[in-house]
PDB file of all heavy atoms in Angstrom:
ATOM      1  N   GLU A   1    -103.515 113.648 143.477  1.00  0.00           N
ATOM      2  CA  GLU A   1    -102.284 114.339 143.836  1.00  0.00           C
ATOM      3  C   GLU A   1    -102.579 115.770 144.299  1.00  0.00           C
ATOM      4  O   GLU A   1    -102.010 116.241 145.283  1.00  0.00           O
ATOM      5  CB  GLU A   1    -101.331 114.351 142.636  1.00  0.00           C
ATOM      6  CG  GLU A   1    -100.708 112.990 142.342  1.00  0.00           C
ATOM      7  CD  GLU A   1     -99.870 112.986 141.084  1.00  0.00           C
ATOM      8  OE1 GLU A   1    -100.142 113.817 140.174  1.00  0.00           O
ATOM      9  OE2 GLU A   1     -98.947 112.156 140.991  1.00  0.00           O
ATOM     10  N   ALA A   2    -103.487 116.443 143.578  1.00  0.00           N
ATOM     11  CA  ALA A   2    -103.845 117.817 143.947  1.00  0.00           C
ATOM     12  C   ALA A   2    -104.545 117.862 145.300  1.00  0.00           C
ATOM     13  O   ALA A   2    -104.393 118.831 146.060  1.00  0.00           O
ATOM     14  CB  ALA A   2    -104.752 118.425 142.872  1.00  0.00           C
ATOM     15  N   MET A   3    -105.302 116.798 145.623  1.00  0.00           N
ATOM     16  CA  MET A   3    -106.003 116.713 146.900  1.00  0.00           C
ATOM     17  C   MET A   3    -105.061 116.335 148.042  1.00  0.00           C
ATOM     18  O   MET A   3    -105.423 116.469 149.211  1.00  0.00           O
ATOM     19  CB  MET A   3    -107.125 115.670 146.815  1.00  0.00           C
ATOM     20  CG  MET A   3    -108.288 116.044 145.923  1.00  0.00           C
ATOM     21  SD  MET A   3    -109.437 114.640 145.713  1.00  0.00           S
ATOM     22  CE  MET A   3    -109.892 114.273 147.405  1.00  0.00           C
ATOM     23  N   GLY A   4    -103.899 115.826 147.712  1.00  0.00           N
ATOM     24  CA  GLY A   4    -102.986 115.346 148.748  1.00  0.00           C
ATOM     25  C   GLY A   4    -103.437 114.034 149.355  1.00  0.00           C
ATOM     26  O   GLY A   4    -103.120 113.741 150.514  1.00  0.00           O
ATOM     27  N   SER A   5    -104.157 113.218 148.571  1.00  0.00           N
ATOM     28  CA  SER A   5    -104.662 111.938 149.057  1.00  0.00           C
ATOM     29  C   SER A   5    -103.624 110.846 148.832  1.00  0.00           C
ATOM     30  O   SER A   5    -103.527 110.270 147.747  1.00  0.00           O
ATOM     31  CB  SER A   5    -105.971 111.568 148.346  1.00  0.00           C
ATOM     32  OG  SER A   5    -106.373 110.251 148.669  1.00  0.00           O
ATOM     33  N   LYS A   6    -102.843 110.543 149.852  1.00  0.00           N
ATOM     34  CA  LYS A   6    -101.799 109.529 149.726  1.00  0.00           C
ATOM     35  C   LYS A   6    -102.404 108.164 149.396  1.00  0.00           C
ATOM     36  O   LYS A   6    -101.863 107.416 148.568  1.00  0.00           O
ATOM     37  CB  LYS A   6    -100.988 109.458 151.016  1.00  0.00           C
ATOM     38  CG  LYS A   6     -99.784 108.532 150.927  1.00  0.00           C
ATOM     39  CD  LYS A   6     -99.010 108.486 152.237  1.00  0.00           C
ATOM     40  CE  LYS A   6     -98.274 109.772 152.505  1.00  0.00           C
ATOM     41  NZ  LYS A   6     -97.377 109.650 153.694  1.00  0.00           N
ATOM     42  N   LEU A   7    -103.516 107.842 150.047  1.00  0.00           N
ATOM     43  CA  LEU A   7    -104.184 106.573 149.786  1.00  0.00           C
ATOM     44  C   LEU A   7    -104.646 106.487 148.338  1.00  0.00           C
ATOM     45  O   LEU A   7    -104.411 105.489 147.647  1.00  0.00           O
ATOM     46  CB  LEU A   7    -105.383 106.410 150.722  1.00  0.00           C
ATOM     47  CG  LEU A   7    -106.208 105.134 150.542  1.00  0.00           C
ATOM     48  CD1 LEU A   7    -105.394 103.909 150.917  1.00  0.00           C
ATOM     49  CD2 LEU A   7    -107.484 105.200 151.387  1.00  0.00           C
ATOM     50  N   GLY A   8    -105.312 107.538 147.868  1.00  0.00           N
ATOM     51  CA  GLY A   8    -105.795 107.546 146.495  1.00  0.00           C
ATOM     52  C   GLY A   8    -104.664 107.438 145.494  1.00  0.00           C
ATOM     53  O   GLY A   8    -104.765 106.712 144.495  1.00  0.00           O
ATOM     54  N   VAL A   9    -103.581 108.153 145.734  1.00  0.00           N
ATOM     55  CA  VAL A   9    -102.425 108.110 144.839  1.00  0.00           C
ATOM     56  C   VAL A   9    -101.838 106.695 144.800  1.00  0.00           C
ATOM     57  O   VAL A   9    -101.510 106.174 143.728  1.00  0.00           O
ATOM     58  CB  VAL A   9    -101.357 109.135 145.282  1.00  0.00           C
ATOM     59  CG1 VAL A   9    -100.046 108.908 144.540  1.00  0.00           C
ATOM     60  CG2 VAL A   9    -101.857 110.555 145.029  1.00  0.00           C
ATOM     61  N   ALA A  10    -101.714 106.068 145.960  1.00  0.00           N
ATOM     62  CA  ALA A  10    -101.167 104.704 146.020  1.00  0.00           C
ATOM     63  C   ALA A  10    -102.024 103.738 145.225  1.00  0.00           C
ATOM     64  O   ALA A  10    -101.511 102.882 144.496  1.00  0.00           O
ATOM     65  CB  ALA A  10    -101.067 104.251 147.480  1.00  0.00           C
ATOM     66  N   TYR A  11    -103.352 103.870 145.357  1.00  0.00           N
ATOM     67  CA  TYR A  11    -104.250 102.988 144.620  1.00  0.00           C
ATOM     68  C   TYR A  11    -104.172 103.259 143.123  1.00  0.00           C
ATOM     69  O   TYR A  11    -104.251 102.342 142.300  1.00  0.00           O
ATOM     70  CB  TYR A  11    -105.681 103.176 145.110  1.00  0.00           C
ATOM     71  CG  TYR A  11    -105.981 102.535 146.447  1.00  0.00           C
ATOM     72  CD1 TYR A  11    -105.010 101.839 147.151  1.00  0.00           C
ATOM     73  CD2 TYR A  11    -107.247 102.626 147.015  1.00  0.00           C
ATOM     74  CE1 TYR A  11    -105.285 101.249 148.380  1.00  0.00           C
ATOM     75  CE2 TYR A  11    -107.536 102.040 148.249  1.00  0.00           C
ATOM     76  CZ  TYR A  11    -106.551 101.349 148.922  1.00  0.00           C
ATOM     77  OH  TYR A  11    -106.832 100.773 150.122  1.00  0.00           O
ATOM     78  N   SER A  12    -104.016 104.529 142.757  1.00  0.00           N
ATOM     79  CA  SER A  12    -103.884 104.866 141.337  1.00  0.00           C
ATOM     80  C   SER A  12    -102.626 104.235 140.748  1.00  0.00           C
ATOM     81  O   SER A  12    -102.653 103.699 139.636  1.00  0.00           O
ATOM     82  CB  SER A  12    -103.842 106.384 141.144  1.00  0.00           C
ATOM     83  OG  SER A  12    -105.123 106.956 141.258  1.00  0.00           O
ATOM     84  N   TYR A  13    -101.525 104.308 141.479  1.00  0.00           N
ATOM     85  CA  TYR A  13    -100.290 103.690 140.991  1.00  0.00           C
ATOM     86  C   TYR A  13    -100.481 102.190 140.779  1.00  0.00           C
ATOM     87  O   TYR A  13     -99.986 101.618 139.797  1.00  0.00           O
ATOM     88  CB  TYR A  13     -99.148 103.928 141.978  1.00  0.00           C
ATOM     89  CG  TYR A  13     -98.596 105.329 142.013  1.00  0.00           C
ATOM     90  CD1 TYR A  13     -98.046 105.845 143.187  1.00  0.00           C
ATOM     91  CD2 TYR A  13     -98.599 106.142 140.878  1.00  0.00           C
ATOM     92  CE1 TYR A  13     -97.519 107.128 143.230  1.00  0.00           C
ATOM     93  CE2 TYR A  13     -98.086 107.426 140.918  1.00  0.00           C
ATOM     94  CZ  TYR A  13     -97.542 107.914 142.097  1.00  0.00           C
ATOM     95  OH  TYR A  13     -97.029 109.183 142.138  1.00  0.00           O
ATOM     96  N   LEU A  14    -101.179 101.545 141.708  1.00  0.00           N
ATOM     97  CA  LEU A  14    -101.429 100.110 141.578  1.00  0.00           C
ATOM     98  C   LEU A  14    -102.261  99.822 140.332  1.00  0.00           C
ATOM     99  O   LEU A  14    -101.951  98.920 139.540  1.00  0.00           O
ATOM    100  CB  LEU A  14    -102.146  99.588 142.829  1.00  0.00           C
ATOM    101  CG  LEU A  14    -102.565  98.111 142.853  1.00  0.00           C
ATOM    102  CD1 LEU A  14    -101.375  97.206 142.579  1.00  0.00           C
ATOM    103  CD2 LEU A  14    -103.207  97.765 144.183  1.00  0.00           C
ATOM    104  N   ASN A  15    -103.326 100.602 140.134  1.00  0.00           N
ATOM    105  CA  ASN A  15    -104.162 100.417 138.952  1.00  0.00           C
ATOM    106  C   ASN A  15    -103.377 100.677 137.668  1.00  0.00           C
ATOM    107  O   ASN A  15    -103.516  99.945 136.677  1.00  0.00           O
ATOM    108  CB  ASN A  15    -105.369 101.354 139.019  1.00  0.00           C
ATOM    109  CG  ASN A  15    -106.403 100.899 140.040  1.00  0.00           C
ATOM    110  OD1 ASN A  15    -106.422  99.738 140.439  1.00  0.00           O
ATOM    111  ND2 ASN A  15    -107.253 101.811 140.471  1.00  0.00           N
ATOM    112  N   LEU A  16    -102.550 101.725 137.675  1.00  0.00           N
ATOM    113  CA  LEU A  16    -101.754 102.052 136.495  1.00  0.00           C
ATOM    114  C   LEU A  16    -100.729 100.963 136.196  1.00  0.00           C
ATOM    115  O   LEU A  16    -100.449 100.665 135.022  1.00  0.00           O
ATOM    116  CB  LEU A  16    -101.064 103.404 136.684  1.00  0.00           C
ATOM    117  CG  LEU A  16    -101.982 104.621 136.612  1.00  0.00           C
ATOM    118  CD1 LEU A  16    -101.261 105.869 137.125  1.00  0.00           C
ATOM    119  CD2 LEU A  16    -102.481 104.845 135.186  1.00  0.00           C
ATOM    120  N   GLY A  17    -100.188 100.358 137.238  1.00  0.00           N
ATOM    121  CA  GLY A  17     -99.272  99.243 137.024  1.00  0.00           C
ATOM    122  C   GLY A  17     -99.960  98.100 136.302  1.00  0.00           C
ATOM    123  O   GLY A  17     -99.406  97.505 135.361  1.00  0.00           O
ATOM    124  N   ASN A  18    -101.183  97.784 136.716  1.00  0.00           N
ATOM    125  CA  ASN A  18    -101.947  96.721 136.055  1.00  0.00           C
ATOM    126  C   ASN A  18    -102.207  97.053 134.595  1.00  0.00           C
ATOM    127  O   ASN A  18    -102.140  96.188 133.717  1.00  0.00           O
ATOM    128  CB  ASN A  18    -103.282  96.512 136.777  1.00  0.00           C
ATOM    129  CG  ASN A  18    -103.124  95.940 138.166  1.00  0.00           C
ATOM    130  OD1 ASN A  18    -102.109  95.321 138.484  1.00  0.00           O
ATOM    131  ND2 ASN A  18    -104.112  96.141 139.014  1.00  0.00           N
ATOM    132  N   ILE A  19    -102.509  98.329 134.328  1.00  0.00           N
ATOM    133  CA  ILE A  19    -102.800  98.744 132.950  1.00  0.00           C
ATOM    134  C   ILE A  19    -101.548  98.633 132.079  1.00  0.00           C
ATOM    135  O   ILE A  19    -101.601  98.111 130.951  1.00  0.00           O
ATOM    136  CB  ILE A  19    -103.352 100.180 132.927  1.00  0.00           C
ATOM    137  CG1 ILE A  19    -104.761 100.209 133.538  1.00  0.00           C
ATOM    138  CG2 ILE A  19    -103.392 100.726 131.500  1.00  0.00           C
ATOM    139  CD1 ILE A  19    -105.302 101.599 133.776  1.00  0.00           C
ATOM    140  N   HIS A  20    -100.421  99.125 132.574  1.00  0.00           N
ATOM    141  CA  HIS A  20     -99.189  99.044 131.777  1.00  0.00           C
ATOM    142  C   HIS A  20     -98.785  97.596 131.524  1.00  0.00           C
ATOM    143  O   HIS A  20     -98.249  97.272 130.451  1.00  0.00           O
ATOM    144  CB  HIS A  20     -98.060  99.804 132.471  1.00  0.00           C
ATOM    145  CG  HIS A  20     -98.189 101.288 132.369  1.00  0.00           C
ATOM    146  ND1 HIS A  20     -98.272 101.944 131.152  1.00  0.00           N
ATOM    147  CD2 HIS A  20     -98.274 102.263 133.319  1.00  0.00           C
ATOM    148  CE1 HIS A  20     -98.376 103.245 131.355  1.00  0.00           C
ATOM    149  NE2 HIS A  20     -98.401 103.460 132.651  1.00  0.00           N
ATOM    150  N   PHE A  21     -99.064  96.718 132.499  1.00  0.00           N
ATOM    151  CA  PHE A  21     -98.790  95.300 132.287  1.00  0.00           C
ATOM    152  C   PHE A  21     -99.637  94.775 131.130  1.00  0.00           C
ATOM    153  O   PHE A  21     -99.147  94.063 130.251  1.00  0.00           O
ATOM    154  CB  PHE A  21     -99.075  94.494 133.556  1.00  0.00           C
ATOM    155  CG  PHE A  21     -98.891  93.016 133.369  1.00  0.00           C
ATOM    156  CD1 PHE A  21     -97.617  92.459 133.419  1.00  0.00           C
ATOM    157  CD2 PHE A  21     -99.980  92.185 133.144  1.00  0.00           C
ATOM    158  CE1 PHE A  21     -97.440  91.083 133.240  1.00  0.00           C
ATOM    159  CE2 PHE A  21     -99.808  90.824 132.963  1.00  0.00           C
ATOM    160  CZ  PHE A  21     -98.542  90.265 133.011  1.00  0.00           C
ATOM    161  N   ARG A  22    -100.904  95.149 131.110  1.00  0.00           N
ATOM    162  CA  ARG A  22    -101.787  94.698 130.028  1.00  0.00           C
ATOM    163  C   ARG A  22    -101.374  95.275 128.678  1.00  0.00           C
ATOM    164  O   ARG A  22    -101.610  94.669 127.635  1.00  0.00           O
ATOM    165  CB  ARG A  22    -103.231  95.076 130.334  1.00  0.00           C
ATOM    166  CG  ARG A  22    -103.823  94.293 131.494  1.00  0.00           C
ATOM    167  CD  ARG A  22    -105.324  94.438 131.550  1.00  0.00           C
ATOM    168  NE  ARG A  22    -105.886  93.656 132.643  1.00  0.00           N
ATOM    169  CZ  ARG A  22    -107.172  93.380 132.764  1.00  0.00           C
ATOM    170  NH1 ARG A  22    -108.033  93.810 131.869  1.00  0.00           N
ATOM    171  NH2 ARG A  22    -107.610  92.664 133.785  1.00  0.00           N
ATOM    172  N   LEU A  23    -100.765  96.448 128.712  1.00  0.00           N
ATOM    173  CA  LEU A  23    -100.277  97.064 127.477  1.00  0.00           C
ATOM    174  C   LEU A  23     -98.927  96.482 127.051  1.00  0.00           C
ATOM    175  O   LEU A  23     -98.405  96.837 125.996  1.00  0.00           O
ATOM    176  CB  LEU A  23    -100.153  98.577 127.651  1.00  0.00           C
ATOM    177  CG  LEU A  23    -101.470  99.356 127.721  1.00  0.00           C
ATOM    178  CD1 LEU A  23    -101.220 100.797 128.138  1.00  0.00           C
ATOM    179  CD2 LEU A  23    -102.199  99.302 126.370  1.00  0.00           C
ATOM    180  N   GLY A  24     -98.367  95.603 127.884  1.00  0.00           N
ATOM    181  CA  GLY A  24     -97.116  94.936 127.542  1.00  0.00           C
ATOM    182  C   GLY A  24     -95.871  95.710 127.894  1.00  0.00           C
ATOM    183  O   GLY A  24     -94.775  95.374 127.427  1.00  0.00           O
ATOM    184  N   ASP A  25     -96.003  96.753 128.727  1.00  0.00           N
ATOM    185  CA  ASP A  25     -94.843  97.559 129.117  1.00  0.00           C
ATOM    186  C   ASP A  25     -94.449  97.193 130.547  1.00  0.00           C
ATOM    187  O   ASP A  25     -94.867  97.835 131.512  1.00  0.00           O
ATOM    188  CB  ASP A  25     -95.166  99.053 129.005  1.00  0.00           C
ATOM    189  CG  ASP A  25     -93.927  99.928 129.059  1.00  0.00           C
ATOM    190  OD1 ASP A  25     -92.946  99.508 129.706  1.00  0.00           O
ATOM    191  OD2 ASP A  25     -93.940 101.014 128.471  1.00  0.00           O
ATOM    192  N   ASP A  26     -93.621  96.157 130.681  1.00  0.00           N
ATOM    193  CA  ASP A  26     -93.242  95.663 132.007  1.00  0.00           C
ATOM    194  C   ASP A  26     -92.467  96.701 132.810  1.00  0.00           C
ATOM    195  O   ASP A  26     -92.619  96.791 134.033  1.00  0.00           O
ATOM    196  CB  ASP A  26     -92.406  94.391 131.870  1.00  0.00           C
ATOM    197  CG  ASP A  26     -93.242  93.166 131.547  1.00  0.00           C
ATOM    198  OD1 ASP A  26     -94.486  93.291 131.538  1.00  0.00           O
ATOM    199  OD2 ASP A  26     -92.659  92.092 131.308  1.00  0.00           O
ATOM    200  N   ASP A  27     -91.618  97.476 132.151  1.00  0.00           N
ATOM    201  CA  ASP A  27     -90.814  98.460 132.875  1.00  0.00           C
ATOM    202  C   ASP A  27     -91.690  99.545 133.506  1.00  0.00           C
ATOM    203  O   ASP A  27     -91.486  99.927 134.665  1.00  0.00           O
ATOM    204  CB  ASP A  27     -89.781  99.100 131.941  1.00  0.00           C
ATOM    205  CG  ASP A  27     -88.659  98.130 131.581  1.00  0.00           C
ATOM    206  OD1 ASP A  27     -88.411  97.197 132.376  1.00  0.00           O
ATOM    207  OD2 ASP A  27     -88.055  98.295 130.514  1.00  0.00           O
ATOM    208  N   LYS A  28     -92.662 100.042 132.751  1.00  0.00           N
ATOM    209  CA  LYS A  28     -93.566 101.055 133.300  1.00  0.00           C
ATOM    210  C   LYS A  28     -94.422 100.460 134.410  1.00  0.00           C
ATOM    211  O   LYS A  28     -94.672 101.102 135.435  1.00  0.00           O
ATOM    212  CB  LYS A  28     -94.458 101.635 132.200  1.00  0.00           C
ATOM    213  CG  LYS A  28     -93.783 102.709 131.369  1.00  0.00           C
ATOM    214  CD  LYS A  28     -94.787 103.405 130.467  1.00  0.00           C
ATOM    215  CE  LYS A  28     -94.123 104.540 129.693  1.00  0.00           C
ATOM    216  NZ  LYS A  28     -95.084 105.228 128.789  1.00  0.00           N
ATOM    217  N   ALA A  29     -94.886  99.237 134.201  1.00  0.00           N
ATOM    218  CA  ALA A  29     -95.692  98.567 135.232  1.00  0.00           C
ATOM    219  C   ALA A  29     -94.890  98.426 136.514  1.00  0.00           C
ATOM    220  O   ALA A  29     -95.390  98.703 137.611  1.00  0.00           O
ATOM    221  CB  ALA A  29     -96.147  97.196 134.734  1.00  0.00           C
ATOM    222  N   LEU A  30     -93.635  98.017 136.384  1.00  0.00           N
ATOM    223  CA  LEU A  30     -92.778  97.835 137.551  1.00  0.00           C
ATOM    224  C   LEU A  30     -92.584  99.150 138.301  1.00  0.00           C
ATOM    225  O   LEU A  30     -92.632  99.186 139.539  1.00  0.00           O
ATOM    226  CB  LEU A  30     -91.427  97.291 137.099  1.00  0.00           C
ATOM    227  CG  LEU A  30     -90.503  96.705 138.164  1.00  0.00           C
ATOM    228  CD1 LEU A  30     -91.168  95.538 138.891  1.00  0.00           C
ATOM    229  CD2 LEU A  30     -89.200  96.253 137.521  1.00  0.00           C
ATOM    230  N   GLY A  31     -92.406 100.230 137.556  1.00  0.00           N
ATOM    231  CA  GLY A  31     -92.237 101.536 138.184  1.00  0.00           C
ATOM    232  C   GLY A  31     -93.465 101.965 138.968  1.00  0.00           C
ATOM    233  O   GLY A  31     -93.357 102.495 140.083  1.00  0.00           O
ATOM    234  N   GLU A  32     -94.653 101.726 138.403  1.00  0.00           N
ATOM    235  CA  GLU A  32     -95.897 102.093 139.085  1.00  0.00           C
ATOM    236  C   GLU A  32     -96.098 101.250 140.342  1.00  0.00           C
ATOM    237  O   GLU A  32     -96.507 101.764 141.394  1.00  0.00           O
ATOM    238  CB  GLU A  32     -97.097 101.932 138.145  1.00  0.00           C
ATOM    239  CG  GLU A  32     -97.058 102.794 136.900  1.00  0.00           C
ATOM    240  CD  GLU A  32     -97.228 104.275 137.176  1.00  0.00           C
ATOM    241  OE1 GLU A  32     -97.367 104.681 138.350  1.00  0.00           O
ATOM    242  OE2 GLU A  32     -97.215 105.049 136.205  1.00  0.00           O
ATOM    243  N   TYR A  33     -95.803  99.953 140.247  1.00  0.00           N
ATOM    244  CA  TYR A  33     -95.940  99.092 141.428  1.00  0.00           C
ATOM    245  C   TYR A  33     -94.982  99.516 142.533  1.00  0.00           C
ATOM    246  O   TYR A  33     -95.333  99.486 143.712  1.00  0.00           O
ATOM    247  CB  TYR A  33     -95.680  97.625 141.071  1.00  0.00           C
ATOM    248  CG  TYR A  33     -96.745  96.982 140.234  1.00  0.00           C
ATOM    249  CD1 TYR A  33     -96.423  96.154 139.160  1.00  0.00           C
ATOM    250  CD2 TYR A  33     -98.098  97.179 140.512  1.00  0.00           C
ATOM    251  CE1 TYR A  33     -97.405  95.554 138.394  1.00  0.00           C
ATOM    252  CE2 TYR A  33     -99.084  96.590 139.747  1.00  0.00           C
ATOM    253  CZ  TYR A  33     -98.733  95.772 138.687  1.00  0.00           C
ATOM    254  OH  TYR A  33     -99.702  95.183 137.921  1.00  0.00           O
ATOM    255  N   LYS A  34     -93.773  99.914 142.139  1.00  0.00           N
ATOM    256  CA  LYS A  34     -92.791 100.358 143.143  1.00  0.00           C
ATOM    257  C   LYS A  34     -93.283 101.623 143.844  1.00  0.00           C
ATOM    258  O   LYS A  34     -93.171 101.744 145.078  1.00  0.00           O
ATOM    259  CB  LYS A  34     -91.441 100.618 142.462  1.00  0.00           C
ATOM    260  CG  LYS A  34     -90.335 101.080 143.407  1.00  0.00           C
ATOM    261  CD  LYS A  34     -89.977 100.015 144.425  1.00  0.00           C
ATOM    262  CE  LYS A  34     -88.696 100.335 145.186  1.00  0.00           C
ATOM    263  NZ  LYS A  34     -88.788 101.576 145.972  1.00  0.00           N
ATOM    264  N   ARG A  35     -93.843 102.559 143.099  1.00  0.00           N
ATOM    265  CA  ARG A  35     -94.386 103.782 143.707  1.00  0.00           C
ATOM    266  C   ARG A  35     -95.532 103.436 144.656  1.00  0.00           C
ATOM    267  O   ARG A  35     -95.626 103.973 145.763  1.00  0.00           O
ATOM    268  CB  ARG A  35     -94.882 104.734 142.615  1.00  0.00           C
ATOM    269  CG  ARG A  35     -93.783 105.316 141.749  1.00  0.00           C
ATOM    270  CD  ARG A  35     -94.349 106.330 140.758  1.00  0.00           C
ATOM    271  NE  ARG A  35     -93.330 106.781 139.835  1.00  0.00           N
ATOM    272  CZ  ARG A  35     -93.105 106.269 138.635  1.00  0.00           C
ATOM    273  NH1 ARG A  35     -93.853 105.266 138.204  1.00  0.00           N
ATOM    274  NH2 ARG A  35     -92.157 106.739 137.854  1.00  0.00           N
ATOM    275  N   SER A  36     -96.407 102.541 144.203  1.00  0.00           N
ATOM    276  CA  SER A  36     -97.517 102.125 145.056  1.00  0.00           C
ATOM    277  C   SER A  36     -97.007 101.411 146.303  1.00  0.00           C
ATOM    278  O   SER A  36     -97.464 101.682 147.417  1.00  0.00           O
ATOM    279  CB  SER A  36     -98.461 101.200 144.282  1.00  0.00           C
ATOM    280  OG  SER A  36     -99.563 100.826 145.073  1.00  0.00           O
ATOM    281  N   LEU A  37     -96.039 100.523 146.119  1.00  0.00           N
ATOM    282  CA  LEU A  37     -95.486  99.754 147.233  1.00  0.00           C
ATOM    283  C   LEU A  37     -94.915 100.667 148.315  1.00  0.00           C
ATOM    284  O   LEU A  37     -95.171 100.471 149.503  1.00  0.00           O
ATOM    285  CB  LEU A  37     -94.401  98.809 146.720  1.00  0.00           C
ATOM    286  CG  LEU A  37     -93.717  97.921 147.757  1.00  0.00           C
ATOM    287  CD1 LEU A  37     -94.701  96.915 148.333  1.00  0.00           C
ATOM    288  CD2 LEU A  37     -92.523  97.197 147.128  1.00  0.00           C
ATOM    289  N   ASP A  38     -94.162 101.671 147.900  1.00  0.00           N
ATOM    290  CA  ASP A  38     -93.557 102.586 148.872  1.00  0.00           C
ATOM    291  C   ASP A  38     -94.624 103.280 149.711  1.00  0.00           C
ATOM    292  O   ASP A  38     -94.488 103.415 150.939  1.00  0.00           O
ATOM    293  CB  ASP A  38     -92.705 103.627 148.153  1.00  0.00           C
ATOM    294  CG  ASP A  38     -91.428 103.029 147.557  1.00  0.00           C
ATOM    295  OD1 ASP A  38     -91.063 101.914 147.959  1.00  0.00           O
ATOM    296  OD2 ASP A  38     -90.821 103.679 146.678  1.00  0.00           O
ATOM    297  N   LEU A  39     -95.698 103.729 149.060  1.00  0.00           N
ATOM    298  CA  LEU A  39     -96.776 104.406 149.792  1.00  0.00           C
ATOM    299  C   LEU A  39     -97.556 103.431 150.663  1.00  0.00           C
ATOM    300  O   LEU A  39     -97.951 103.766 151.782  1.00  0.00           O
ATOM    301  CB  LEU A  39     -97.723 105.106 148.805  1.00  0.00           C
ATOM    302  CG  LEU A  39     -97.158 106.343 148.105  1.00  0.00           C
ATOM    303  CD1 LEU A  39     -98.135 106.852 147.049  1.00  0.00           C
ATOM    304  CD2 LEU A  39     -96.876 107.452 149.114  1.00  0.00           C
ATOM    305  N   MET A  40     -97.773 102.206 150.162  1.00  0.00           N
ATOM    306  CA  MET A  40     -98.495 101.203 150.946  1.00  0.00           C
ATOM    307  C   MET A  40     -97.725 100.858 152.220  1.00  0.00           C
ATOM    308  O   MET A  40     -98.310 100.696 153.290  1.00  0.00           O
ATOM    309  CB  MET A  40     -98.722  99.931 150.118  1.00  0.00           C
ATOM    310  CG  MET A  40     -99.582 100.108 148.884  1.00  0.00           C
ATOM    311  SD  MET A  40    -101.261 100.678 149.222  1.00  0.00           S
ATOM    312  CE  MET A  40    -101.938 100.571 147.559  1.00  0.00           C
ATOM    313  N   TYR A  41     -96.414 100.762 152.108  1.00  0.00           N
ATOM    314  CA  TYR A  41     -95.583 100.518 153.296  1.00  0.00           C
ATOM    315  C   TYR A  41     -95.748 101.653 154.304  1.00  0.00           C
ATOM    316  O   TYR A  41     -95.891 101.420 155.516  1.00  0.00           O
ATOM    317  CB  TYR A  41     -94.111 100.393 152.905  1.00  0.00           C
ATOM    318  CG  TYR A  41     -93.646  98.997 152.580  1.00  0.00           C
ATOM    319  CD1 TYR A  41     -92.957  98.734 151.397  1.00  0.00           C
ATOM    320  CD2 TYR A  41     -93.865  97.934 153.459  1.00  0.00           C
ATOM    321  CE1 TYR A  41     -92.509  97.453 151.093  1.00  0.00           C
ATOM    322  CE2 TYR A  41     -93.430  96.655 153.164  1.00  0.00           C
ATOM    323  CZ  TYR A  41     -92.753  96.422 151.983  1.00  0.00           C
ATOM    324  OH  TYR A  41     -92.311  95.148 151.696  1.00  0.00           O
ATOM    325  N   GLU A  42     -95.728 102.883 153.812  1.00  0.00           N
ATOM    326  CA  GLU A  42     -95.873 104.050 154.692  1.00  0.00           C
ATOM    327  C   GLU A  42     -97.191 104.016 155.445  1.00  0.00           C
ATOM    328  O   GLU A  42     -97.258 104.367 156.627  1.00  0.00           O
ATOM    329  CB  GLU A  42     -95.803 105.341 153.869  1.00  0.00           C
ATOM    330  CG  GLU A  42     -94.408 105.747 153.430  1.00  0.00           C
ATOM    331  CD  GLU A  42     -94.423 107.082 152.711  1.00  0.00           C
ATOM    332  OE1 GLU A  42     -95.297 107.919 153.031  1.00  0.00           O
ATOM    333  OE2 GLU A  42     -93.591 107.283 151.811  1.00  0.00           O
ATOM    334  N   MET A  43     -98.253 103.590 154.764  1.00  0.00           N
ATOM    335  CA  MET A  43     -99.592 103.600 155.362  1.00  0.00           C
ATOM    336  C   MET A  43     -99.921 102.306 156.099  1.00  0.00           C
ATOM    337  O   MET A  43    -100.949 102.216 156.757  1.00  0.00           O
ATOM    338  CB  MET A  43    -100.639 103.861 154.271  1.00  0.00           C
ATOM    339  CG  MET A  43    -100.537 105.228 153.656  1.00  0.00           C
ATOM    340  SD  MET A  43    -101.815 105.512 152.397  1.00  0.00           S
ATOM    341  CE  MET A  43    -101.294 104.374 151.136  1.00  0.00           C
ATOM    342  N   GLY A  44     -99.060 101.298 155.952  1.00  0.00           N
ATOM    343  CA  GLY A  44     -99.322 100.027 156.620  1.00  0.00           C
ATOM    344  C   GLY A  44    -100.431  99.214 155.984  1.00  0.00           C
ATOM    345  O   GLY A  44    -101.061  98.384 156.654  1.00  0.00           O
ATOM    346  N   ASP A  45    -100.663  99.418 154.693  1.00  0.00           N
ATOM    347  CA  ASP A  45    -101.703  98.677 153.975  1.00  0.00           C
ATOM    348  C   ASP A  45    -101.104  97.358 153.498  1.00  0.00           C
ATOM    349  O   ASP A  45    -100.721  97.197 152.339  1.00  0.00           O
ATOM    350  CB  ASP A  45    -102.221  99.502 152.796  1.00  0.00           C
ATOM    351  CG  ASP A  45    -103.476  98.914 152.167  1.00  0.00           C
ATOM    352  OD1 ASP A  45    -103.722  97.707 152.354  1.00  0.00           O
ATOM    353  OD2 ASP A  45    -104.197  99.661 151.490  1.00  0.00           O
TER     354      ASP A  45
END
């Protein structure tokens, strides 16, 4: 985030979503995936 790396931030959100899912917190996982999804759409990934 400090670097302004949109790609890196999007990937971090995706990874964090996976982690929250493993921790059993579906709501947090869903939020992270949504943040990642929005950035992935912007970048065309």
